Amino acid sequence: MLKMAGQKKAGIMGSNIVKENNNYFSRMYAVYPDGIYRFYDKRHLFALGEEQDFLNLERKRLLQT
C-alpha cells in the first residue's frame, strides 16, 4: 500500500486481519503518499461474516497528529 500510494500520489485506505499476541484484529490502514500511515482496529465487526466469532474487538485506535 505504501508503494502504491507513492506511485499514485494519493491516500489509500484498506483493511487486513492482523495477529498480535495470539489475538486477531480487523485493522484498517490509512496510507499517505509521503510514506506516513495510520491504523485503527475496528470496533464494529461484520456480523454476516461472523467476524465476531474469530476476531477481537478494538485494541488500538487511529493516532491523530
Protein backbone atom coordinates (compact mmCIF):
# COMPACT_ATOMS: atom_id res chain seq x y z
CA MET A 1 0.00 0.00 0.00
CA LEU A 2 2.86 2.38 0.77
CA LYS A 3 4.36 1.81 -2.68
CA MET A 4 1.03 2.27 -4.47
CA ALA A 5 0.20 5.44 -2.50
CA GLY A 6 3.55 6.91 -3.55
CA GLN A 7 3.14 5.89 -7.20
CA LYS A 8 -0.40 7.24 -7.44
CA LYS A 9 0.33 10.29 -5.24
CA ALA A 10 -2.88 9.56 -3.37
CA GLY A 11 -4.04 8.38 0.03
CA ILE A 12 -5.22 4.77 0.15
CA MET A 13 -7.35 3.00 2.73
CA GLY A 14 -7.78 -0.72 3.20
CA SER A 15 -8.06 -3.38 5.86
CA ASN A 16 -6.39 -6.63 6.78
CA ILE A 17 -6.56 -9.23 9.54
CA VAL A 18 -3.59 -8.84 11.92
CA LYS A 19 -2.38 -11.27 14.59
CA GLU A 20 -0.87 -9.84 17.78
CA ASN A 21 -0.16 -11.96 20.86
CA ASN A 22 -2.50 -14.74 19.68
CA ASN A 23 -5.35 -12.25 19.13
CA TYR A 24 -6.74 -11.37 15.72
CA PHE A 25 -7.91 -7.88 14.77
CA SER A 26 -9.56 -6.41 11.71
CA ARG A 27 -7.22 -3.46 11.15
CA MET A 28 -7.96 -0.54 8.85
CA TYR A 29 -4.99 1.33 7.39
CA ALA A 30 -4.81 4.86 6.00
CA VAL A 31 -1.64 5.18 3.91
CA TYR A 32 -0.40 8.50 2.51
CA PRO A 33 1.90 9.24 -0.45
CA ASP A 34 4.58 10.74 1.82
CA GLY A 35 5.05 7.31 3.49
CA ILE A 36 3.09 8.07 6.65
CA TYR A 37 0.43 5.59 7.68
CA ARG A 38 -2.10 5.29 10.47
CA PHE A 39 -4.19 2.34 11.59
CA TYR A 40 -7.30 1.55 13.57
CA ASP A 41 -8.54 -1.75 14.97
CA LYS A 42 -12.20 -1.94 14.06
CA ARG A 43 -14.77 -1.79 16.85
CA HIS A 44 -17.74 -2.91 14.76
CA LEU A 45 -17.30 -6.31 13.15
CA PHE A 46 -19.21 -7.66 10.16
CA ALA A 47 -22.00 -9.82 11.66
CA LEU A 48 -22.98 -11.52 8.38
CA GLY A 49 -19.39 -12.71 8.00
CA GLU A 50 -19.41 -13.90 11.64
CA GLU A 51 -16.22 -11.93 12.31
CA GLN A 52 -17.18 -11.69 15.98
CA ASP A 53 -16.54 -15.46 16.26
CA PHE A 54 -12.83 -15.23 15.44
CA LEU A 55 -11.72 -11.58 15.70
CA ASN A 56 -11.11 -9.47 18.79
CA LEU A 57 -12.59 -6.01 19.13
CA GLU A 58 -10.65 -2.77 19.05
CA ARG A 59 -7.29 -2.70 20.74
CA LYS A 60 -5.54 0.26 19.16
CA ARG A 61 -7.09 3.44 17.82
CA LEU A 62 -6.05 5.55 14.89
CA LEU A 63 -3.47 8.05 16.04
CA GLN A 64 -4.23 11.65 15.14
CA THR A 65 -1.47 14.17 14.54
